Amino acid sequence: MKYLFLFASLSLFAKIHPAPDFKITDKISLSNYSKDTVVLEWFNKDCPFVKKHYDSGNMQALKKKYTDKGVKWISILSSAKGKQGFFDSDEVAKKFMKDNKFASTHLIRDISGKIGKAYKAKTTPHMFVVHKGKIVYEGAIDSISSADKEDALKAKNYVAMTLDKIIAQKPVSYSKTQAYGCSVKY
């Protein structure tokens, strides 16, 4: 079935969880952004569902729009060595992201899967929005669970909806949806 079945709850009734902390660099961790809004994006360069959002320009536009408004965006590569989407080094991953205009505030190679497992990330892209240290949204990026890049532009974008509500200081409409995409390659 092409359309995503939505499992959502209003934020007034949603169970909001503290975001598990993790190190970004030796000097920076997620807790450094405890007063900010942060998007965590599980990424695999070879996943057709990830390609849907990057080939359409959807993900780049989202990142630009919201990082320009102060949102931090962290792309997490949880592919293990020898698995689809694996990068041999941080330098190779950063070059790929830069060459393909996948700019993020930070890029993390989570080869051990420690971060992914702490968040229970299952797919790429699996999206989490963390606001002031709490997970306020987790799940799909949008409402159409296909790999067709045309669908990215006509789908309801849950991440954008969540960020718009946070910026407007209004209750978040959806706290959780069913993530779709390629499985994370732990």
N, C-alpha and C. Protein backbone atom coordinates (compact mmCIF):
# COMPACT_ATOMS: atom_id res chain seq x y z
N MET A 1 0.84 -1.17 0.00
CA MET A 1 0.00 0.00 0.00
C MET A 1 0.89 1.24 0.00
N LYS A 2 0.53 2.20 -0.81
CA LYS A 2 1.36 3.37 -1.02
C LYS A 2 1.27 4.39 0.11
N TYR A 3 0.12 4.56 0.74
CA TYR A 3 -0.05 5.59 1.75
C TYR A 3 0.22 5.07 3.15
N LEU A 4 0.78 5.90 3.93
CA LEU A 4 1.17 5.57 5.29
C LEU A 4 -0.04 5.59 6.20
N PHE A 5 -0.18 4.56 7.02
CA PHE A 5 -1.20 4.57 8.06
C PHE A 5 -0.61 5.33 9.23
N LEU A 6 -1.28 6.32 9.67
CA LEU A 6 -0.76 7.23 10.68
C LEU A 6 -1.16 6.78 12.07
N PHE A 7 -0.18 6.65 12.94
CA PHE A 7 -0.42 6.37 14.35
C PHE A 7 0.03 7.60 15.10
N ALA A 8 -0.89 8.53 15.29
CA ALA A 8 -0.52 9.81 15.86
C ALA A 8 -1.32 10.08 17.12
N SER A 9 -0.78 10.94 17.92
CA SER A 9 -1.52 11.40 19.09
C SER A 9 -1.26 12.88 19.26
N LEU A 10 -2.23 13.57 19.81
CA LEU A 10 -2.03 14.98 20.07
C LEU A 10 -0.99 15.14 21.17
N SER A 11 -0.16 16.16 21.03
CA SER A 11 0.93 16.33 21.99
C SER A 11 0.43 16.55 23.41
N LEU A 12 -0.79 17.04 23.57
CA LEU A 12 -1.32 17.25 24.91
C LEU A 12 -1.43 15.94 25.67
N PHE A 13 -1.58 14.83 24.94
CA PHE A 13 -1.73 13.52 25.54
C PHE A 13 -0.52 12.63 25.27
N ALA A 14 0.41 13.11 24.51
CA ALA A 14 1.55 12.30 24.09
C ALA A 14 2.51 12.07 25.25
N LYS A 15 3.15 10.92 25.22
CA LYS A 15 4.19 10.63 26.19
C LYS A 15 5.50 11.14 25.59
N ILE A 16 6.02 12.21 26.14
CA ILE A 16 7.25 12.81 25.63
C ILE A 16 8.41 12.22 26.42
N HIS A 17 9.40 11.72 25.70
CA HIS A 17 10.53 11.04 26.32
C HIS A 17 11.77 11.92 26.30
N PRO A 18 12.59 11.81 27.34
CA PRO A 18 13.89 12.48 27.28
C PRO A 18 14.71 11.87 26.13
N ALA A 19 15.45 12.71 25.45
CA ALA A 19 16.29 12.24 24.34
C ALA A 19 17.58 11.65 24.89
N PRO A 20 17.93 10.42 24.52
CA PRO A 20 19.21 9.86 24.97
C PRO A 20 20.37 10.73 24.49
N ASP A 21 21.29 11.02 25.38
CA ASP A 21 22.45 11.84 25.02
C ASP A 21 23.46 10.99 24.25
N PHE A 22 24.24 11.64 23.42
CA PHE A 22 25.33 10.98 22.71
C PHE A 22 26.37 12.02 22.34
N LYS A 23 27.58 11.54 22.09
CA LYS A 23 28.68 12.42 21.70
C LYS A 23 28.65 12.67 20.20
N ILE A 24 28.83 13.93 19.83
CA ILE A 24 28.93 14.30 18.43
C ILE A 24 30.40 14.39 18.05
N THR A 25 31.17 15.06 18.87
CA THR A 25 32.63 15.10 18.75
C THR A 25 33.17 14.96 20.17
N ASP A 26 34.47 15.00 20.31
CA ASP A 26 35.05 14.90 21.65
C ASP A 26 34.60 16.04 22.56
N LYS A 27 34.23 17.17 21.96
CA LYS A 27 33.86 18.33 22.77
C LYS A 27 32.37 18.65 22.73
N ILE A 28 31.63 18.00 21.86
CA ILE A 28 30.21 18.32 21.69
C ILE A 28 29.37 17.07 21.87
N SER A 29 28.25 17.21 22.61
CA SER A 29 27.29 16.12 22.74
C SER A 29 25.90 16.70 22.51
N LEU A 30 24.91 15.82 22.38
CA LEU A 30 23.54 16.30 22.18
C LEU A 30 23.12 17.20 23.33
N SER A 31 23.60 16.92 24.53
CA SER A 31 23.23 17.74 25.68
C SER A 31 23.69 19.19 25.55
N ASN A 32 24.67 19.46 24.67
CA ASN A 32 25.06 20.84 24.41
C ASN A 32 23.91 21.64 23.77
N TYR A 33 22.94 20.93 23.21
CA TYR A 33 21.80 21.56 22.54
C TYR A 33 20.52 21.42 23.36
N SER A 34 20.65 21.33 24.67
CA SER A 34 19.49 21.09 25.55
C SER A 34 18.47 22.22 25.54
N LYS A 35 18.83 23.39 25.06
CA LYS A 35 17.88 24.51 24.98
C LYS A 35 17.40 24.74 23.56
N ASP A 36 17.83 23.87 22.63
CA ASP A 36 17.53 24.04 21.22
C ASP A 36 16.55 23.00 20.70
N THR A 37 16.19 23.18 19.45
CA THR A 37 15.43 22.18 18.71
C THR A 37 16.41 21.50 17.76
N VAL A 38 16.40 20.17 17.79
CA VAL A 38 17.34 19.38 17.00
C VAL A 38 16.56 18.33 16.21
N VAL A 39 16.88 18.20 14.93
CA VAL A 39 16.33 17.12 14.11
C VAL A 39 17.41 16.06 13.99
N LEU A 40 17.04 14.82 14.29
CA LEU A 40 17.93 13.67 14.08
C LEU A 40 17.38 12.91 12.88
N GLU A 41 18.24 12.72 11.89
CA GLU A 41 17.84 12.06 10.64
C GLU A 41 18.72 10.83 10.45
N TRP A 42 18.12 9.64 10.46
CA TRP A 42 18.89 8.45 10.13
C TRP A 42 19.01 8.38 8.63
N PHE A 43 20.25 8.21 8.17
CA PHE A 43 20.61 8.40 6.76
C PHE A 43 21.36 7.19 6.22
N ASN A 44 21.05 6.81 4.99
CA ASN A 44 21.79 5.77 4.25
C ASN A 44 21.79 6.22 2.79
N LYS A 45 22.94 6.57 2.28
CA LYS A 45 23.05 7.14 0.93
C LYS A 45 22.52 6.23 -0.17
N ASP A 46 22.45 4.93 0.09
CA ASP A 46 22.02 3.98 -0.94
C ASP A 46 20.56 3.57 -0.82
N CYS A 47 19.87 4.04 0.17
CA CYS A 47 18.47 3.69 0.38
C CYS A 47 17.57 4.47 -0.57
N PRO A 48 16.71 3.80 -1.34
CA PRO A 48 15.83 4.52 -2.27
C PRO A 48 14.86 5.49 -1.58
N PHE A 49 14.49 5.22 -0.35
CA PHE A 49 13.60 6.12 0.37
C PHE A 49 14.32 7.40 0.78
N VAL A 50 15.60 7.29 1.12
CA VAL A 50 16.42 8.47 1.40
C VAL A 50 16.64 9.23 0.10
N LYS A 51 16.95 8.50 -0.97
CA LYS A 51 17.16 9.15 -2.27
C LYS A 51 15.93 9.92 -2.72
N LYS A 52 14.74 9.41 -2.40
CA LYS A 52 13.48 10.10 -2.73
C LYS A 52 13.54 11.55 -2.24
N HIS A 53 13.97 11.72 -1.00
CA HIS A 53 13.96 13.05 -0.40
C HIS A 53 15.13 13.92 -0.83
N TYR A 54 16.26 13.31 -1.14
CA TYR A 54 17.41 14.09 -1.59
C TYR A 54 17.35 14.36 -3.10
N ASP A 55 16.95 13.38 -3.90
CA ASP A 55 16.87 13.58 -5.35
C ASP A 55 15.79 14.60 -5.71
N SER A 56 14.75 14.70 -4.89
CA SER A 56 13.68 15.68 -5.13
C SER A 56 14.07 17.07 -4.61
N GLY A 57 15.13 17.14 -3.79
CA GLY A 57 15.53 18.39 -3.17
C GLY A 57 14.76 18.69 -1.88
N ASN A 58 13.86 17.81 -1.52
CA ASN A 58 13.03 17.99 -0.33
C ASN A 58 13.86 18.11 0.95
N MET A 59 14.79 17.18 1.16
CA MET A 59 15.56 17.19 2.41
C MET A 59 16.46 18.41 2.50
N GLN A 60 17.11 18.76 1.38
CA GLN A 60 17.98 19.93 1.40
C GLN A 60 17.18 21.20 1.71
N ALA A 61 15.98 21.31 1.13
CA ALA A 61 15.14 22.49 1.38
C ALA A 61 14.70 22.55 2.83
N LEU A 62 14.34 21.39 3.41
CA LEU A 62 13.96 21.34 4.82
C LEU A 62 15.11 21.78 5.71
N LYS A 63 16.29 21.22 5.44
CA LYS A 63 17.46 21.57 6.25
C LYS A 63 17.74 23.06 6.18
N LYS A 64 17.73 23.62 4.99
CA LYS A 64 18.04 25.03 4.82
C LYS A 64 17.00 25.90 5.54
N LYS A 65 15.72 25.61 5.29
CA LYS A 65 14.66 26.42 5.88
C LYS A 65 14.77 26.45 7.41
N TYR A 66 14.97 25.28 8.00
CA TYR A 66 14.91 25.22 9.46
C TYR A 66 16.25 25.51 10.13
N THR A 67 17.36 25.18 9.53
CA THR A 67 18.64 25.58 10.14
C THR A 67 18.80 27.10 10.06
N ASP A 68 18.24 27.72 9.01
CA ASP A 68 18.24 29.19 8.94
C ASP A 68 17.42 29.80 10.08
N LYS A 69 16.52 29.03 10.67
CA LYS A 69 15.69 29.50 11.79
C LYS A 69 16.26 29.04 13.13
N GLY A 70 17.48 28.47 13.12
CA GLY A 70 18.14 28.10 14.36
C GLY A 70 18.02 26.65 14.78
N VAL A 71 17.30 25.85 14.01
CA VAL A 71 17.18 24.42 14.32
C VAL A 71 18.51 23.75 13.99
N LYS A 72 18.94 22.84 14.83
CA LYS A 72 20.15 22.05 14.58
C LYS A 72 19.71 20.77 13.86
N TRP A 73 20.51 20.30 12.90
CA TRP A 73 20.17 19.11 12.12
C TRP A 73 21.35 18.16 12.17
N ILE A 74 21.11 16.96 12.68
CA ILE A 74 22.18 15.97 12.80
C ILE A 74 21.81 14.75 11.97
N SER A 75 22.66 14.45 11.00
CA SER A 75 22.48 13.25 10.17
C SER A 75 23.30 12.13 10.79
N ILE A 76 22.66 10.98 10.97
CA ILE A 76 23.30 9.86 11.63
C ILE A 76 23.38 8.68 10.67
N LEU A 77 24.60 8.22 10.42
CA LEU A 77 24.85 7.10 9.52
C LEU A 77 25.12 5.87 10.36
N SER A 78 24.12 5.01 10.51
CA SER A 78 24.27 3.83 11.39
C SER A 78 24.61 2.55 10.64
N SER A 79 25.06 2.64 9.40
CA SER A 79 25.42 1.44 8.65
C SER A 79 26.74 0.87 9.15
N ALA A 80 26.72 -0.42 9.45
CA ALA A 80 27.93 -1.11 9.91
C ALA A 80 28.86 -1.39 8.74
N LYS A 81 30.12 -1.68 9.06
CA LYS A 81 31.10 -2.00 8.04
C LYS A 81 30.61 -3.19 7.20
N GLY A 82 30.73 -3.03 5.87
CA GLY A 82 30.30 -4.07 4.95
C GLY A 82 28.82 -4.04 4.60
N LYS A 83 28.07 -3.11 5.19
CA LYS A 83 26.63 -3.02 4.95
C LYS A 83 26.33 -1.84 4.01
N GLN A 84 25.14 -1.87 3.41
CA GLN A 84 24.69 -0.82 2.51
C GLN A 84 24.80 0.55 3.19
N GLY A 85 25.38 1.51 2.49
CA GLY A 85 25.47 2.88 2.98
C GLY A 85 26.68 3.18 3.84
N PHE A 86 27.54 2.21 4.09
CA PHE A 86 28.71 2.40 4.96
C PHE A 86 29.71 3.35 4.30
N PHE A 87 30.29 4.23 5.11
CA PHE A 87 31.39 5.10 4.69
C PHE A 87 32.65 4.64 5.41
N ASP A 88 33.78 4.55 4.67
CA ASP A 88 35.03 4.07 5.24
C ASP A 88 35.63 4.98 6.30
N SER A 89 35.32 6.28 6.23
CA SER A 89 35.89 7.22 7.21
C SER A 89 34.97 8.43 7.34
N ASP A 90 35.21 9.20 8.39
CA ASP A 90 34.46 10.44 8.58
C ASP A 90 34.71 11.39 7.42
N GLU A 91 35.94 11.43 6.93
CA GLU A 91 36.29 12.33 5.84
C GLU A 91 35.53 11.97 4.56
N VAL A 92 35.42 10.68 4.26
CA VAL A 92 34.68 10.23 3.07
C VAL A 92 33.21 10.60 3.21
N ALA A 93 32.64 10.40 4.39
CA ALA A 93 31.24 10.73 4.64
C ALA A 93 31.00 12.23 4.50
N LYS A 94 31.86 13.03 5.10
CA LYS A 94 31.70 14.49 5.03
C LYS A 94 31.85 15.00 3.60
N LYS A 95 32.79 14.42 2.85
CA LYS A 95 32.97 14.82 1.45
C LYS A 95 31.72 14.47 0.64
N PHE A 96 31.18 13.29 0.84
CA PHE A 96 29.96 12.88 0.14
C PHE A 96 28.82 13.85 0.46
N MET A 97 28.64 14.15 1.73
CA MET A 97 27.55 15.04 2.14
C MET A 97 27.75 16.44 1.54
N LYS A 98 28.98 16.93 1.56
CA LYS A 98 29.26 18.26 1.01
C LYS A 98 29.07 18.28 -0.50
N ASP A 99 29.63 17.29 -1.19
CA ASP A 99 29.52 17.22 -2.66
C ASP A 99 28.08 17.13 -3.12
N ASN A 100 27.24 16.53 -2.30
CA ASN A 100 25.83 16.34 -2.68
C ASN A 100 24.89 17.32 -1.97
N LYS A 101 25.46 18.35 -1.36
CA LYS A 101 24.70 19.41 -0.71
C LYS A 101 23.73 18.87 0.35
N PHE A 102 24.23 17.93 1.15
CA PHE A 102 23.43 17.34 2.22
C PHE A 102 23.78 18.00 3.54
N ALA A 103 24.02 19.29 3.54
CA ALA A 103 24.53 20.00 4.71
C ALA A 103 23.69 19.75 5.96
N SER A 104 24.37 19.41 7.02
CA SER A 104 23.76 19.22 8.32
C SER A 104 24.61 19.99 9.33
N THR A 105 24.04 20.26 10.49
CA THR A 105 24.83 20.89 11.55
C THR A 105 25.97 19.96 11.93
N HIS A 106 25.67 18.67 12.04
CA HIS A 106 26.68 17.65 12.31
C HIS A 106 26.34 16.39 11.53
N LEU A 107 27.35 15.61 11.30
CA LEU A 107 27.24 14.30 10.65
C LEU A 107 27.94 13.30 11.56
N ILE A 108 27.26 12.22 11.89
CA ILE A 108 27.84 11.23 12.79
C ILE A 108 27.82 9.87 12.12
N ARG A 109 28.98 9.21 12.13
CA ARG A 109 29.04 7.79 11.70
C ARG A 109 28.87 6.95 12.96
N ASP A 110 27.74 6.31 13.05
CA ASP A 110 27.38 5.49 14.22
C ASP A 110 27.58 4.02 13.85
N ILE A 111 28.83 3.64 13.57
CA ILE A 111 29.15 2.31 13.05
C ILE A 111 28.73 1.20 14.02
N SER A 112 28.86 1.44 15.30
CA SER A 112 28.49 0.41 16.29
C SER A 112 26.97 0.29 16.44
N GLY A 113 26.24 1.32 15.99
CA GLY A 113 24.79 1.33 16.14
C GLY A 113 24.32 1.75 17.52
N LYS A 114 25.24 2.20 18.35
CA LYS A 114 24.90 2.56 19.73
C LYS A 114 23.83 3.65 19.80
N ILE A 115 23.99 4.69 18.99
CA ILE A 115 23.02 5.79 19.00
C ILE A 115 21.69 5.30 18.42
N GLY A 116 21.76 4.62 17.29
CA GLY A 116 20.55 4.11 16.65
C GLY A 116 19.74 3.21 17.57
N LYS A 117 20.42 2.34 18.28
CA LYS A 117 19.73 1.42 19.20
C LYS A 117 19.16 2.17 20.40
N ALA A 118 19.85 3.20 20.87
CA ALA A 118 19.33 4.00 21.99
C ALA A 118 18.02 4.69 21.61
N TYR A 119 17.91 5.09 20.35
CA TYR A 119 16.70 5.75 19.86
C TYR A 119 15.70 4.77 19.25
N LYS A 120 16.11 3.52 19.11
CA LYS A 120 15.29 2.49 18.46
C LYS A 120 14.97 2.88 17.02
N ALA A 121 15.97 3.47 16.34
CA ALA A 121 15.82 3.83 14.94
C ALA A 121 15.77 2.54 14.12
N LYS A 122 14.77 2.43 13.29
CA LYS A 122 14.55 1.21 12.52
C LYS A 122 14.76 1.38 11.02
N THR A 123 14.58 2.60 10.53
CA THR A 123 14.60 2.81 9.08
C THR A 123 15.43 4.03 8.70
N THR A 124 15.71 4.11 7.42
CA THR A 124 16.27 5.34 6.86
C THR A 124 15.31 5.80 5.77
N PRO A 125 14.81 7.03 5.89
CA PRO A 125 15.05 7.96 6.99
C PRO A 125 14.10 7.71 8.16
N HIS A 126 14.63 7.64 9.35
CA HIS A 126 13.82 7.64 10.57
C HIS A 126 14.11 8.99 11.19
N MET A 127 13.08 9.74 11.50
CA MET A 127 13.24 11.12 11.93
C MET A 127 12.82 11.29 13.39
N PHE A 128 13.59 12.10 14.10
CA PHE A 128 13.28 12.46 15.48
C PHE A 128 13.43 13.97 15.61
N VAL A 129 12.49 14.59 16.28
CA VAL A 129 12.62 16.01 16.60
C VAL A 129 12.75 16.10 18.12
N VAL A 130 13.85 16.69 18.55
CA VAL A 130 14.15 16.85 19.97
C VAL A 130 14.04 18.34 20.28
N HIS A 131 13.21 18.67 21.26
CA HIS A 131 13.04 20.07 21.66
C HIS A 131 13.33 20.19 23.15
N LYS A 132 14.33 20.99 23.46
CA LYS A 132 14.75 21.21 24.85
C LYS A 132 14.99 19.88 25.58
N GLY A 133 15.69 18.97 24.87
CA GLY A 133 16.10 17.71 25.48
C GLY A 133 15.06 16.61 25.49
N LYS A 134 13.88 16.86 24.94
CA LYS A 134 12.80 15.87 24.91
C LYS A 134 12.45 15.51 23.47
N ILE A 135 12.19 14.22 23.24
CA ILE A 135 11.72 13.81 21.92
C ILE A 135 10.25 14.20 21.82
N VAL A 136 9.94 15.11 20.89
CA VAL A 136 8.56 15.55 20.72
C VAL A 136 7.92 14.94 19.47
N TYR A 137 8.76 14.41 18.58
CA TYR A 137 8.23 13.72 17.40
C TYR A 137 9.21 12.62 17.02
N GLU A 138 8.66 11.46 16.60
CA GLU A 138 9.48 10.40 16.02
C GLU A 138 8.67 9.66 14.99
N GLY A 139 9.34 9.29 13.89
CA GLY A 139 8.65 8.50 12.87
C GLY A 139 9.05 8.88 11.47
N ALA A 140 8.05 8.84 10.59
CA ALA A 140 8.25 9.10 9.17
C ALA A 140 8.49 10.58 8.92
N ILE A 141 9.18 10.86 7.84
CA ILE A 141 9.35 12.25 7.45
C ILE A 141 8.05 12.80 6.88
N ASP A 142 7.29 11.92 6.18
CA ASP A 142 6.06 12.41 5.55
C ASP A 142 5.00 11.32 5.48
N SER A 143 3.89 11.64 4.85
CA SER A 143 2.70 10.79 4.84
C SER A 143 2.63 9.78 3.70
N ILE A 144 3.57 9.82 2.76
CA ILE A 144 3.50 8.89 1.63
C ILE A 144 4.71 7.98 1.66
N SER A 145 4.48 6.72 1.98
CA SER A 145 5.58 5.76 2.18
C SER A 145 5.99 5.09 0.87
N SER A 146 6.50 5.89 -0.03
CA SER A 146 6.99 5.36 -1.30
C SER A 146 8.42 5.84 -1.51
N ALA A 147 9.06 5.28 -2.51
CA ALA A 147 10.40 5.72 -2.89
C ALA A 147 10.35 6.65 -4.11
N ASP A 148 9.17 7.05 -4.51
CA ASP A 148 8.96 7.92 -5.68
C ASP A 148 9.21 9.37 -5.30
N LYS A 149 10.20 9.99 -5.92
CA LYS A 149 10.55 11.36 -5.54
C LYS A 149 9.43 12.36 -5.81
N GLU A 150 8.52 12.06 -6.72
CA GLU A 150 7.38 12.95 -6.97
C GLU A 150 6.49 13.04 -5.73
N ASP A 151 6.42 11.96 -4.96
CA ASP A 151 5.57 11.93 -3.77
C ASP A 151 6.09 12.84 -2.66
N ALA A 152 7.39 13.11 -2.63
CA ALA A 152 7.96 13.95 -1.58
C ALA A 152 7.37 15.35 -1.59
N LEU A 153 7.04 15.83 -2.76
CA LEU A 153 6.55 17.20 -2.89
C LEU A 153 5.05 17.34 -2.63
N LYS A 154 4.31 16.21 -2.67
CA LYS A 154 2.86 16.31 -2.43
C LYS A 154 2.42 15.70 -1.09
N ALA A 155 3.34 15.11 -0.37
CA ALA A 155 3.02 14.48 0.90
C ALA A 155 2.89 15.51 2.02
N LYS A 156 2.21 15.14 3.08
CA LYS A 156 2.16 15.93 4.30
C LYS A 156 3.49 15.67 5.01
N ASN A 157 4.27 16.71 5.27
CA ASN A 157 5.59 16.55 5.87
C ASN A 157 5.49 16.74 7.39
N TYR A 158 5.59 15.63 8.11
CA TYR A 158 5.44 15.65 9.57
C TYR A 158 6.55 16.41 10.27
N VAL A 159 7.77 16.33 9.75
CA VAL A 159 8.89 17.04 10.37
C VAL A 159 8.68 18.54 10.25
N ALA A 160 8.31 19.01 9.06
CA ALA A 160 8.04 20.44 8.86
C ALA A 160 6.88 20.90 9.73
N MET A 161 5.82 20.10 9.80
CA MET A 161 4.67 20.45 10.64
C MET A 161 5.09 20.59 12.11
N THR A 162 5.91 19.66 12.57
CA THR A 162 6.37 19.69 13.96
C THR A 162 7.22 20.92 14.22
N LEU A 163 8.16 21.18 13.34
CA LEU A 163 9.05 22.33 13.52
C LEU A 163 8.28 23.65 13.45
N ASP A 164 7.31 23.74 12.55
CA ASP A 164 6.50 24.96 12.47
C ASP A 164 5.74 25.20 13.77
N LYS A 165 5.20 24.15 14.36
CA LYS A 165 4.47 24.29 15.62
C LYS A 165 5.41 24.73 16.75
N ILE A 166 6.59 24.14 16.80
CA ILE A 166 7.56 24.51 17.84
C ILE A 166 7.95 25.98 17.70
N ILE A 167 8.26 26.39 16.48
CA ILE A 167 8.66 27.78 16.23
C ILE A 167 7.54 28.74 16.59
N ALA A 168 6.28 28.34 16.32
CA ALA A 168 5.13 29.17 16.65
C ALA A 168 4.72 29.04 18.12
N GLN A 169 5.45 28.20 18.86
CA GLN A 169 5.16 27.94 20.28
C GLN A 169 3.74 27.44 20.49
N LYS A 170 3.35 26.49 19.63
CA LYS A 170 2.03 25.86 19.71
C LYS A 170 2.22 24.36 19.94
N PRO A 171 1.20 23.68 20.44
CA PRO A 171 1.30 22.23 20.66
C PRO A 171 1.56 21.49 19.34
N VAL A 172 2.41 20.48 19.41
CA VAL A 172 2.74 19.66 18.26
C VAL A 172 1.54 18.76 17.94
N SER A 173 1.19 18.67 16.66
CA SER A 173 0.01 17.89 16.24
C SER A 173 0.23 16.39 16.33
N TYR A 174 1.39 15.93 15.92
CA TYR A 174 1.69 14.50 15.90
C TYR A 174 2.95 14.25 16.72
N SER A 175 2.91 13.29 17.61
CA SER A 175 4.12 12.96 18.35
C SER A 175 4.80 11.71 17.79
N LYS A 176 4.03 10.88 17.09
CA LYS A 176 4.61 9.66 16.57
C LYS A 176 3.83 9.19 15.34
N THR A 177 4.59 8.79 14.33
CA THR A 177 4.01 8.15 13.16
C THR A 177 4.84 6.89 12.88
N GLN A 178 4.35 6.05 12.02
CA GLN A 178 5.08 4.84 11.64
C GLN A 178 6.18 5.20 10.65
N ALA A 179 7.43 5.01 11.02
CA ALA A 179 8.55 5.28 10.12
C ALA A 179 8.53 4.28 8.97
N TYR A 180 8.98 4.71 7.81
CA TYR A 180 9.09 3.81 6.67
C TYR A 180 10.45 4.02 6.01
N GLY A 181 10.88 3.05 5.23
CA GLY A 181 12.14 3.16 4.51
C GLY A 181 12.91 1.86 4.55
N CYS A 182 14.20 1.96 4.30
CA CYS A 182 15.10 0.80 4.36
C CYS A 182 15.43 0.53 5.82
N SER A 183 15.66 -0.72 6.17
CA SER A 183 16.04 -1.01 7.54
C SER A 183 17.43 -0.44 7.82
N VAL A 184 17.64 -0.01 9.06
CA VAL A 184 18.96 0.47 9.46
C VAL A 184 19.89 -0.75 9.44
N LYS A 185 21.06 -0.60 8.86
CA LYS A 185 21.99 -1.71 8.64
C LYS A 185 22.99 -1.84 9.78
N TYR A 186 22.51 -2.28 10.95
CA TYR A 186 23.37 -2.44 12.12
C TYR A 186 24.34 -3.59 11.91
